[in-house]
Amino acid sequence: MFYQSNYALQQQLTHVKTSVLGIGGTGVTIKLAKTGFAPNPDSDPTTFPEADYTGYAAVTATTMTGISQTGNSFESSADTVASFAPTGSTVGNQIAGYWFEDSAGHLLGYEQISPAIPMTGPLDSIDLVFRWQAQPASWPNTILP
């Protein structure tokens, strides 16, 4: 079995932060999804039921912490919390998940939430901290005679 080194994992995360996530540049956009959110790794995020409660706005993270190591995992988090809260109660939603996309609208990751979280008035809120991890992978290689 072939194993990646910790150095390789740290370099991968460094590359992902700058080249894929746009950290230090355009950043990552965090969006909330209403009920009916059924993503998969190949989903087109333009088909997702994006939240539209009163006062909703997507949040963009452009800076992240340095890379930290916990066991064999490497992680970096957004420097700020993405806070979502309705500004009124005209339009309410049940939030069934969230997703991250890059500046070109490509899906980077998602999570479904069950049960859904109500966002129906100014006393409701959701706070998210954007995180990205690199974890070791292993796979068999073929040794040729």
N, C-alpha and C. Protein backbone atom coordinates (compact mmCIF):
# COMPACT_ATOMS: atom_id res chain seq x y z
N MET A 1 0.84 -1.17 0.00
CA MET A 1 0.00 0.00 0.00
C MET A 1 0.89 1.24 0.00
N PHE A 2 0.58 2.20 -0.84
CA PHE A 2 1.32 3.46 -0.93
C PHE A 2 0.67 4.48 -0.01
N TYR A 3 1.48 5.22 0.75
CA TYR A 3 0.97 6.22 1.69
C TYR A 3 1.58 7.58 1.38
N GLN A 4 0.77 8.62 1.46
CA GLN A 4 1.25 9.99 1.29
C GLN A 4 1.95 10.46 2.55
N SER A 5 2.96 11.29 2.39
CA SER A 5 3.65 11.84 3.56
C SER A 5 2.90 13.06 4.09
N ASN A 6 3.19 13.42 5.34
CA ASN A 6 2.60 14.63 5.91
C ASN A 6 3.02 15.86 5.13
N TYR A 7 4.26 15.89 4.66
CA TYR A 7 4.72 17.01 3.85
C TYR A 7 3.86 17.16 2.59
N ALA A 8 3.57 16.05 1.92
CA ALA A 8 2.75 16.08 0.70
C ALA A 8 1.35 16.60 1.02
N LEU A 9 0.77 16.16 2.13
CA LEU A 9 -0.56 16.62 2.51
C LEU A 9 -0.57 18.12 2.78
N GLN A 10 0.44 18.61 3.48
CA GLN A 10 0.51 20.03 3.78
C GLN A 10 0.65 20.84 2.49
N GLN A 11 1.46 20.35 1.56
CA GLN A 11 1.62 21.05 0.28
C GLN A 11 0.33 21.03 -0.53
N GLN A 12 -0.40 19.92 -0.47
CA GLN A 12 -1.68 19.85 -1.18
C GLN A 12 -2.65 20.89 -0.64
N LEU A 13 -2.75 20.99 0.68
CA LEU A 13 -3.67 21.95 1.28
C LEU A 13 -3.25 23.38 0.96
N THR A 14 -1.96 23.65 0.96
CA THR A 14 -1.47 24.99 0.60
C THR A 14 -1.88 25.32 -0.83
N HIS A 15 -1.73 24.38 -1.74
CA HIS A 15 -2.12 24.58 -3.13
C HIS A 15 -3.64 24.77 -3.25
N VAL A 16 -4.40 23.95 -2.56
CA VAL A 16 -5.86 24.05 -2.62
C VAL A 16 -6.31 25.42 -2.12
N LYS A 17 -5.72 25.91 -1.04
CA LYS A 17 -6.12 27.21 -0.49
C LYS A 17 -5.96 28.32 -1.52
N THR A 18 -4.85 28.35 -2.22
CA THR A 18 -4.60 29.46 -3.14
C THR A 18 -5.19 29.22 -4.52
N SER A 19 -5.03 28.03 -5.08
CA SER A 19 -5.42 27.78 -6.46
C SER A 19 -6.87 27.35 -6.64
N VAL A 20 -7.40 26.59 -5.71
CA VAL A 20 -8.76 26.08 -5.85
C VAL A 20 -9.76 26.95 -5.10
N LEU A 21 -9.44 27.29 -3.85
CA LEU A 21 -10.38 28.04 -3.03
C LEU A 21 -10.27 29.55 -3.24
N GLY A 22 -9.22 30.01 -3.89
CA GLY A 22 -9.10 31.44 -4.16
C GLY A 22 -8.79 32.27 -2.93
N ILE A 23 -8.23 31.65 -1.90
CA ILE A 23 -7.94 32.37 -0.66
C ILE A 23 -6.82 33.38 -0.94
N GLY A 24 -7.03 34.58 -0.46
CA GLY A 24 -6.12 35.66 -0.75
C GLY A 24 -6.52 36.38 -2.04
N GLY A 25 -7.54 35.89 -2.70
CA GLY A 25 -8.03 36.48 -3.95
C GLY A 25 -9.54 36.58 -3.91
N THR A 26 -10.19 35.86 -4.82
CA THR A 26 -11.65 35.95 -4.94
C THR A 26 -12.39 35.20 -3.85
N GLY A 27 -11.80 34.17 -3.27
CA GLY A 27 -12.39 33.47 -2.14
C GLY A 27 -13.42 32.42 -2.50
N VAL A 28 -14.07 31.94 -1.45
CA VAL A 28 -15.09 30.90 -1.53
C VAL A 28 -16.42 31.50 -1.10
N THR A 29 -17.47 31.25 -1.87
CA THR A 29 -18.80 31.74 -1.51
C THR A 29 -19.56 30.64 -0.79
N ILE A 30 -20.16 31.00 0.33
CA ILE A 30 -20.94 30.07 1.16
C ILE A 30 -22.40 30.43 0.97
N LYS A 31 -23.19 29.44 0.55
CA LYS A 31 -24.61 29.67 0.28
C LYS A 31 -25.46 28.68 1.07
N LEU A 32 -26.62 29.13 1.50
CA LEU A 32 -27.57 28.28 2.23
C LEU A 32 -28.61 27.72 1.26
N ALA A 33 -29.08 26.51 1.55
CA ALA A 33 -30.07 25.84 0.71
C ALA A 33 -31.36 25.61 1.48
N LYS A 34 -32.47 25.79 0.78
CA LYS A 34 -33.79 25.51 1.34
C LYS A 34 -34.09 24.01 1.23
N THR A 35 -35.25 23.62 1.75
CA THR A 35 -35.69 22.23 1.61
C THR A 35 -35.75 21.87 0.13
N GLY A 36 -35.53 20.61 -0.16
CA GLY A 36 -35.44 20.14 -1.53
C GLY A 36 -33.99 20.05 -2.01
N PHE A 37 -33.06 20.35 -1.11
CA PHE A 37 -31.62 20.32 -1.41
C PHE A 37 -31.18 18.86 -1.45
N ALA A 38 -30.79 18.37 -2.62
CA ALA A 38 -30.38 16.98 -2.78
C ALA A 38 -29.11 16.92 -3.63
N PRO A 39 -27.99 17.40 -3.09
CA PRO A 39 -26.76 17.46 -3.88
C PRO A 39 -26.06 16.12 -4.00
N ASN A 40 -25.16 16.03 -4.97
CA ASN A 40 -24.23 14.93 -5.08
C ASN A 40 -22.92 15.52 -5.58
N PRO A 41 -21.82 14.77 -5.57
CA PRO A 41 -20.53 15.34 -5.94
C PRO A 41 -20.45 15.95 -7.34
N ASP A 42 -21.37 15.57 -8.23
CA ASP A 42 -21.38 16.10 -9.59
C ASP A 42 -22.47 17.13 -9.84
N SER A 43 -23.13 17.59 -8.79
CA SER A 43 -24.25 18.53 -8.94
C SER A 43 -23.82 19.86 -9.55
N ASP A 44 -24.75 20.47 -10.24
CA ASP A 44 -24.59 21.84 -10.75
C ASP A 44 -25.25 22.75 -9.71
N PRO A 45 -24.46 23.60 -9.03
CA PRO A 45 -25.05 24.42 -7.96
C PRO A 45 -26.11 25.41 -8.42
N THR A 46 -26.20 25.68 -9.73
CA THR A 46 -27.26 26.58 -10.19
C THR A 46 -28.63 25.93 -10.07
N THR A 47 -28.66 24.61 -9.85
CA THR A 47 -29.94 23.91 -9.68
C THR A 47 -30.38 23.81 -8.22
N PHE A 48 -29.54 24.25 -7.30
CA PHE A 48 -29.86 24.14 -5.88
C PHE A 48 -30.91 25.17 -5.48
N PRO A 49 -31.79 24.81 -4.55
CA PRO A 49 -32.79 25.77 -4.05
C PRO A 49 -32.17 26.72 -3.03
N GLU A 50 -31.61 27.82 -3.51
CA GLU A 50 -30.91 28.76 -2.62
C GLU A 50 -31.90 29.50 -1.72
N ALA A 51 -31.47 29.74 -0.50
CA ALA A 51 -32.30 30.46 0.47
C ALA A 51 -32.72 31.81 -0.11
N ASP A 52 -33.88 32.26 0.31
CA ASP A 52 -34.37 33.58 -0.11
C ASP A 52 -35.17 34.25 1.00
N TYR A 53 -34.87 33.87 2.25
CA TYR A 53 -35.57 34.50 3.37
C TYR A 53 -35.24 35.99 3.40
N THR A 54 -36.05 36.75 4.09
CA THR A 54 -35.87 38.19 4.16
C THR A 54 -34.49 38.53 4.71
N GLY A 55 -33.69 39.23 3.90
CA GLY A 55 -32.36 39.66 4.32
C GLY A 55 -31.25 38.68 3.97
N TYR A 56 -31.55 37.57 3.28
CA TYR A 56 -30.52 36.59 2.94
C TYR A 56 -29.49 37.15 1.98
N ALA A 57 -28.24 36.84 2.22
CA ALA A 57 -27.15 37.13 1.28
C ALA A 57 -26.07 36.08 1.48
N ALA A 58 -25.52 35.56 0.39
CA ALA A 58 -24.40 34.63 0.47
C ALA A 58 -23.21 35.36 1.09
N VAL A 59 -22.27 34.58 1.65
CA VAL A 59 -21.09 35.15 2.31
C VAL A 59 -19.84 34.62 1.60
N THR A 60 -18.85 35.50 1.40
CA THR A 60 -17.59 35.09 0.78
C THR A 60 -16.46 35.14 1.79
N ALA A 61 -15.70 34.05 1.87
CA ALA A 61 -14.51 33.97 2.73
C ALA A 61 -13.28 34.15 1.84
N THR A 62 -12.43 35.13 2.15
CA THR A 62 -11.24 35.38 1.33
C THR A 62 -9.93 35.16 2.07
N THR A 63 -9.98 34.98 3.39
CA THR A 63 -8.76 34.71 4.15
C THR A 63 -8.97 33.50 5.04
N MET A 64 -7.87 32.77 5.28
CA MET A 64 -7.94 31.57 6.12
C MET A 64 -6.75 31.56 7.07
N THR A 65 -6.89 30.78 8.12
CA THR A 65 -5.82 30.61 9.09
C THR A 65 -4.68 29.82 8.46
N GLY A 66 -3.56 29.79 9.15
CA GLY A 66 -2.46 28.93 8.73
C GLY A 66 -2.89 27.48 8.83
N ILE A 67 -2.09 26.60 8.31
CA ILE A 67 -2.40 25.18 8.31
C ILE A 67 -2.00 24.57 9.65
N SER A 68 -2.93 23.84 10.25
CA SER A 68 -2.63 23.14 11.51
C SER A 68 -2.74 21.64 11.28
N GLN A 69 -2.04 20.89 12.10
CA GLN A 69 -2.05 19.43 11.98
C GLN A 69 -2.64 18.83 13.24
N THR A 70 -3.59 17.92 13.04
CA THR A 70 -4.16 17.13 14.13
C THR A 70 -4.06 15.68 13.69
N GLY A 71 -3.20 14.92 14.34
CA GLY A 71 -2.98 13.55 13.92
C GLY A 71 -2.41 13.54 12.52
N ASN A 72 -3.08 12.83 11.61
CA ASN A 72 -2.65 12.78 10.22
C ASN A 72 -3.42 13.74 9.33
N SER A 73 -4.26 14.59 9.91
CA SER A 73 -5.06 15.53 9.13
C SER A 73 -4.46 16.92 9.20
N PHE A 74 -4.58 17.65 8.10
CA PHE A 74 -4.17 19.05 8.04
C PHE A 74 -5.42 19.86 7.75
N GLU A 75 -5.54 21.02 8.41
CA GLU A 75 -6.76 21.80 8.30
C GLU A 75 -6.46 23.28 8.28
N SER A 76 -7.30 24.03 7.58
CA SER A 76 -7.26 25.48 7.59
C SER A 76 -8.70 25.95 7.64
N SER A 77 -8.96 27.03 8.40
CA SER A 77 -10.30 27.56 8.57
C SER A 77 -10.36 29.01 8.13
N ALA A 78 -11.56 29.46 7.77
CA ALA A 78 -11.76 30.87 7.46
C ALA A 78 -11.45 31.69 8.70
N ASP A 79 -10.94 32.89 8.49
CA ASP A 79 -10.61 33.78 9.61
C ASP A 79 -11.84 34.36 10.28
N THR A 80 -12.96 34.36 9.58
CA THR A 80 -14.19 34.94 10.14
C THR A 80 -15.32 33.93 10.07
N VAL A 81 -16.33 34.15 10.89
CA VAL A 81 -17.53 33.31 10.91
C VAL A 81 -18.51 33.86 9.89
N ALA A 82 -19.09 32.97 9.09
CA ALA A 82 -20.15 33.37 8.16
C ALA A 82 -21.46 33.34 8.94
N SER A 83 -22.03 34.50 9.18
CA SER A 83 -23.26 34.61 9.96
C SER A 83 -24.44 34.90 9.05
N PHE A 84 -25.49 34.12 9.25
CA PHE A 84 -26.71 34.28 8.47
C PHE A 84 -27.86 34.51 9.44
N ALA A 85 -28.71 35.51 9.18
CA ALA A 85 -29.88 35.78 10.01
C ALA A 85 -30.89 36.59 9.21
N PRO A 86 -32.15 36.25 9.30
CA PRO A 86 -33.17 37.06 8.64
C PRO A 86 -33.22 38.47 9.24
N THR A 87 -33.55 39.43 8.40
CA THR A 87 -33.71 40.81 8.88
C THR A 87 -35.17 41.14 9.12
N GLY A 88 -36.04 40.23 8.80
CA GLY A 88 -37.47 40.42 9.00
C GLY A 88 -38.16 39.08 8.88
N SER A 89 -39.48 39.09 8.80
CA SER A 89 -40.22 37.82 8.75
C SER A 89 -41.14 37.75 7.54
N THR A 90 -40.92 38.59 6.53
CA THR A 90 -41.78 38.59 5.34
C THR A 90 -41.68 37.26 4.60
N VAL A 91 -40.44 36.79 4.36
CA VAL A 91 -40.21 35.50 3.71
C VAL A 91 -39.35 34.66 4.64
N GLY A 92 -39.79 33.45 4.95
CA GLY A 92 -39.02 32.54 5.80
C GLY A 92 -38.63 31.30 5.02
N ASN A 93 -37.62 30.59 5.49
CA ASN A 93 -37.16 29.34 4.88
C ASN A 93 -36.86 28.32 5.95
N GLN A 94 -36.84 27.07 5.53
CA GLN A 94 -36.29 25.97 6.31
C GLN A 94 -34.96 25.64 5.63
N ILE A 95 -33.85 25.79 6.35
CA ILE A 95 -32.54 25.59 5.75
C ILE A 95 -32.15 24.12 5.87
N ALA A 96 -31.95 23.49 4.71
CA ALA A 96 -31.69 22.05 4.63
C ALA A 96 -30.23 21.73 4.32
N GLY A 97 -29.38 22.77 4.23
CA GLY A 97 -27.98 22.52 3.95
C GLY A 97 -27.28 23.77 3.48
N TYR A 98 -26.04 23.58 3.08
CA TYR A 98 -25.25 24.68 2.55
C TYR A 98 -24.23 24.11 1.58
N TRP A 99 -23.68 25.00 0.75
CA TRP A 99 -22.62 24.58 -0.16
C TRP A 99 -21.62 25.71 -0.34
N PHE A 100 -20.45 25.30 -0.81
CA PHE A 100 -19.37 26.24 -1.11
C PHE A 100 -19.15 26.20 -2.62
N GLU A 101 -18.91 27.37 -3.20
CA GLU A 101 -18.55 27.40 -4.61
C GLU A 101 -17.44 28.41 -4.84
N ASP A 102 -16.67 28.21 -5.91
CA ASP A 102 -15.60 29.14 -6.23
C ASP A 102 -16.16 30.32 -7.01
N SER A 103 -15.29 31.26 -7.39
CA SER A 103 -15.76 32.48 -8.05
C SER A 103 -16.35 32.22 -9.42
N ALA A 104 -16.06 31.06 -10.01
CA ALA A 104 -16.63 30.70 -11.30
C ALA A 104 -17.93 29.90 -11.15
N GLY A 105 -18.37 29.66 -9.91
CA GLY A 105 -19.61 28.94 -9.68
C GLY A 105 -19.47 27.43 -9.62
N HIS A 106 -18.24 26.91 -9.52
CA HIS A 106 -18.04 25.46 -9.42
C HIS A 106 -18.33 25.00 -8.00
N LEU A 107 -19.00 23.88 -7.88
CA LEU A 107 -19.27 23.27 -6.58
C LEU A 107 -17.98 22.75 -5.97
N LEU A 108 -17.67 23.18 -4.74
CA LEU A 108 -16.48 22.71 -4.04
C LEU A 108 -16.81 21.73 -2.92
N GLY A 109 -17.99 21.85 -2.35
CA GLY A 109 -18.39 20.97 -1.26
C GLY A 109 -19.77 21.34 -0.76
N TYR A 110 -20.37 20.45 0.00
CA TYR A 110 -21.73 20.68 0.50
C TYR A 110 -21.98 19.84 1.73
N GLU A 111 -23.04 20.20 2.45
CA GLU A 111 -23.51 19.39 3.57
C GLU A 111 -25.01 19.55 3.68
N GLN A 112 -25.71 18.43 3.83
CA GLN A 112 -27.14 18.47 4.08
C GLN A 112 -27.36 18.54 5.59
N ILE A 113 -28.41 19.23 6.00
CA ILE A 113 -28.74 19.39 7.42
C ILE A 113 -30.10 18.76 7.66
N SER A 114 -30.18 17.86 8.65
CA SER A 114 -31.45 17.23 8.99
C SER A 114 -31.53 17.08 10.50
N PRO A 115 -32.56 17.59 11.12
CA PRO A 115 -33.69 18.28 10.50
C PRO A 115 -33.29 19.69 10.04
N ALA A 116 -34.09 20.22 9.13
CA ALA A 116 -33.84 21.56 8.61
C ALA A 116 -33.92 22.60 9.74
N ILE A 117 -33.18 23.69 9.57
CA ILE A 117 -33.13 24.76 10.57
C ILE A 117 -34.05 25.89 10.12
N PRO A 118 -35.01 26.29 10.98
CA PRO A 118 -35.91 27.37 10.58
C PRO A 118 -35.20 28.72 10.58
N MET A 119 -35.44 29.48 9.52
CA MET A 119 -34.97 30.86 9.41
C MET A 119 -36.20 31.68 9.04
N THR A 120 -36.97 32.02 10.06
CA THR A 120 -38.26 32.66 9.81
C THR A 120 -38.39 34.06 10.40
N GLY A 121 -37.42 34.49 11.19
CA GLY A 121 -37.49 35.81 11.78
C GLY A 121 -36.15 36.23 12.34
N PRO A 122 -36.04 37.49 12.77
CA PRO A 122 -34.76 38.05 13.22
C PRO A 122 -34.10 37.35 14.41
N LEU A 123 -34.81 36.50 15.12
CA LEU A 123 -34.21 35.79 16.25
C LEU A 123 -33.53 34.48 15.83
N ASP A 124 -33.74 34.08 14.58
CA ASP A 124 -33.11 32.86 14.06
C ASP A 124 -31.75 33.20 13.46
N SER A 125 -30.80 32.28 13.58
CA SER A 125 -29.49 32.52 12.97
C SER A 125 -28.74 31.21 12.76
N ILE A 126 -27.80 31.26 11.83
CA ILE A 126 -26.89 30.15 11.55
C ILE A 126 -25.50 30.77 11.40
N ASP A 127 -24.53 30.20 12.11
CA ASP A 127 -23.14 30.64 11.99
C ASP A 127 -22.31 29.46 11.48
N LEU A 128 -21.54 29.69 10.43
CA LEU A 128 -20.70 28.65 9.83
C LEU A 128 -19.25 29.11 9.80
N VAL A 129 -18.34 28.20 10.07
CA VAL A 129 -16.93 28.46 9.88
C VAL A 129 -16.47 27.56 8.74
N PHE A 130 -16.06 28.17 7.65
CA PHE A 130 -15.57 27.43 6.49
C PHE A 130 -14.25 26.76 6.85
N ARG A 131 -14.17 25.44 6.64
CA ARG A 131 -12.94 24.68 6.89
C ARG A 131 -12.64 23.80 5.70
N TRP A 132 -11.35 23.54 5.52
CA TRP A 132 -10.93 22.59 4.48
C TRP A 132 -9.87 21.70 5.08
N GLN A 133 -9.95 20.39 4.80
CA GLN A 133 -8.99 19.44 5.36
C GLN A 133 -8.32 18.64 4.25
N ALA A 134 -7.12 18.20 4.53
CA ALA A 134 -6.43 17.23 3.69
C ALA A 134 -6.10 16.06 4.61
N GLN A 135 -6.51 14.88 4.22
CA GLN A 135 -6.28 13.69 5.03
C GLN A 135 -5.51 12.67 4.21
N PRO A 136 -4.75 11.83 4.88
CA PRO A 136 -3.95 10.87 4.12
C PRO A 136 -4.81 9.87 3.37
N ALA A 137 -4.33 9.55 2.22
CA ALA A 137 -4.97 8.52 1.41
C ALA A 137 -3.95 7.42 1.16
N SER A 138 -4.43 6.26 0.90
CA SER A 138 -3.53 5.17 0.54
C SER A 138 -4.19 4.38 -0.58
N TRP A 139 -3.36 3.82 -1.41
CA TRP A 139 -3.87 3.02 -2.52
C TRP A 139 -2.80 2.03 -2.94
N PRO A 140 -3.21 0.94 -3.53
CA PRO A 140 -2.20 -0.02 -3.98
C PRO A 140 -1.60 0.44 -5.31
N ASN A 141 -0.32 0.29 -5.47
CA ASN A 141 0.34 0.53 -6.74
C ASN A 141 0.70 -0.81 -7.35
N THR A 142 0.93 -0.80 -8.63
CA THR A 142 1.32 -2.03 -9.31
C THR A 142 2.84 -2.05 -9.45
N ILE A 143 3.45 -3.08 -8.95
CA ILE A 143 4.90 -3.24 -9.09
C ILE A 143 5.14 -4.16 -10.27
N LEU A 144 5.84 -3.62 -11.23
CA LEU A 144 6.10 -4.41 -12.45
C LEU A 144 7.37 -5.24 -12.28
N PRO A 145 7.38 -6.47 -12.76
CA PRO A 145 8.57 -7.32 -12.63
C PRO A 145 9.72 -6.83 -13.49
